[in-house]
Amino acid sequence: MTDTTQQQIFDLIAKQAKIDVATIKPESTLKDLGIASLEAIELIFDIEEHFNITFPDQQGANFDTDTTQSLVDAVQKALDDKAAAGEGSN
């Protein structure tokens, strides 16, 4: 049994923000959750490491307005792209 991608990301956000994971909603922005831009960068690294993915260069990612759901969507897209590319021949 595995957690959903969203749950794993919310857990990582909660750990970074030092908040209760139950307070995180899909429509919450990182700013709403008290995550400053430097912390958000660390969070992105944590997420990339956790899922073994690399986000394409965020074109003007806006931590004030991007929601946690948009982050989940970005991770899911990266995972889908990775699967589609057939990576795993390491």
Protein backbone atom coordinates (compact mmCIF):
# COMPACT_ATOMS: atom_id res chain seq x y z
CA MET A 1 0.00 0.00 0.00
CA THR A 2 1.50 3.31 -1.05
CA ASP A 3 0.50 6.86 -0.30
CA THR A 4 -0.80 8.89 -3.18
CA THR A 5 1.58 11.30 -4.85
CA GLN A 6 -0.43 14.15 -3.36
CA GLN A 7 -0.15 12.74 0.17
CA GLN A 8 3.60 12.29 -0.17
CA ILE A 9 4.01 15.87 -1.40
CA PHE A 10 1.79 17.23 1.36
CA ASP A 11 3.91 15.32 3.90
CA LEU A 12 7.07 16.91 2.46
CA ILE A 13 5.44 20.37 2.56
CA ALA A 14 4.33 19.85 6.17
CA LYS A 15 7.84 18.80 7.16
CA GLN A 16 9.39 21.83 5.42
CA ALA A 17 6.85 24.30 6.83
CA LYS A 18 6.74 22.58 10.24
CA ILE A 19 2.95 22.50 10.11
CA ASP A 20 0.27 19.84 10.50
CA VAL A 21 -0.28 18.07 7.18
CA ALA A 22 -4.04 18.30 7.81
CA THR A 23 -3.87 22.08 7.35
CA ILE A 24 -2.66 21.73 3.75
CA LYS A 25 -5.35 21.98 1.09
CA PRO A 26 -4.95 21.59 -2.70
CA GLU A 27 -5.81 25.28 -3.13
CA SER A 28 -3.26 26.45 -0.52
CA THR A 29 -0.31 28.39 -1.86
CA LEU A 30 3.14 27.88 -0.41
CA LYS A 31 2.97 31.49 0.79
CA ASP A 32 -0.31 30.70 2.60
CA LEU A 33 1.50 27.88 4.38
CA GLY A 34 4.31 30.17 5.51
CA ILE A 35 6.95 28.83 3.13
CA ALA A 36 9.37 31.53 2.00
CA SER A 37 10.99 31.38 -1.43
CA LEU A 38 14.26 29.93 -0.10
CA GLU A 39 12.34 27.22 1.76
CA ALA A 40 10.32 26.59 -1.39
CA ILE A 41 13.53 25.98 -3.34
CA GLU A 42 14.63 23.48 -0.67
CA LEU A 43 11.18 21.88 -0.89
CA ILE A 44 11.52 21.48 -4.67
CA PHE A 45 14.89 19.75 -4.15
CA ASP A 46 13.34 17.48 -1.51
CA ILE A 47 10.48 16.57 -3.85
CA GLU A 48 12.84 15.90 -6.76
CA GLU A 49 14.98 13.68 -4.56
CA HIS A 50 11.99 11.87 -3.02
CA PHE A 51 10.45 11.02 -6.40
CA ASN A 52 13.76 10.70 -8.25
CA ILE A 53 12.64 13.24 -10.85
CA THR A 54 13.92 16.54 -12.17
CA PHE A 55 11.58 19.42 -12.82
CA PRO A 56 12.19 21.31 -16.03
CA ASP A 57 13.38 24.82 -15.26
CA GLN A 58 10.39 26.45 -13.68
CA GLN A 59 9.44 29.24 -16.01
CA GLY A 60 8.71 31.92 -13.47
CA ALA A 61 7.29 29.63 -10.82
CA ASN A 62 5.43 31.90 -8.47
CA PHE A 63 5.46 30.66 -4.88
CA ASP A 64 2.97 33.36 -3.88
CA THR A 65 0.26 32.16 -6.25
CA ASP A 66 1.11 28.58 -7.25
CA THR A 67 -1.06 26.15 -5.32
CA THR A 68 -0.01 22.88 -3.75
CA GLN A 69 -2.23 21.21 -6.37
CA SER A 70 -0.15 22.77 -9.17
CA LEU A 71 2.92 21.30 -7.46
CA VAL A 72 1.25 17.87 -7.31
CA ASP A 73 0.34 18.21 -11.00
CA ALA A 74 3.94 19.11 -11.89
CA VAL A 75 5.26 16.08 -10.01
CA GLN A 76 2.69 13.80 -11.64
CA LYS A 77 3.63 15.14 -15.08
CA ALA A 78 7.33 14.58 -14.36
CA LEU A 79 6.59 11.02 -13.20
CA ASP A 80 4.46 10.38 -16.29
CA ASP A 81 7.16 11.80 -18.58
CA LYS A 82 9.77 9.65 -16.86
CA ALA A 83 7.62 6.53 -17.28
CA ALA A 84 6.92 7.40 -20.92
CA ALA A 85 10.63 7.82 -21.57
CA GLY A 86 11.17 4.32 -20.22
CA GLU A 87 13.84 5.41 -17.79
CA GLY A 88 15.01 2.80 -15.37
CA SER A 89 17.79 1.18 -17.34
CA ASN A 90 20.28 2.35 -14.70
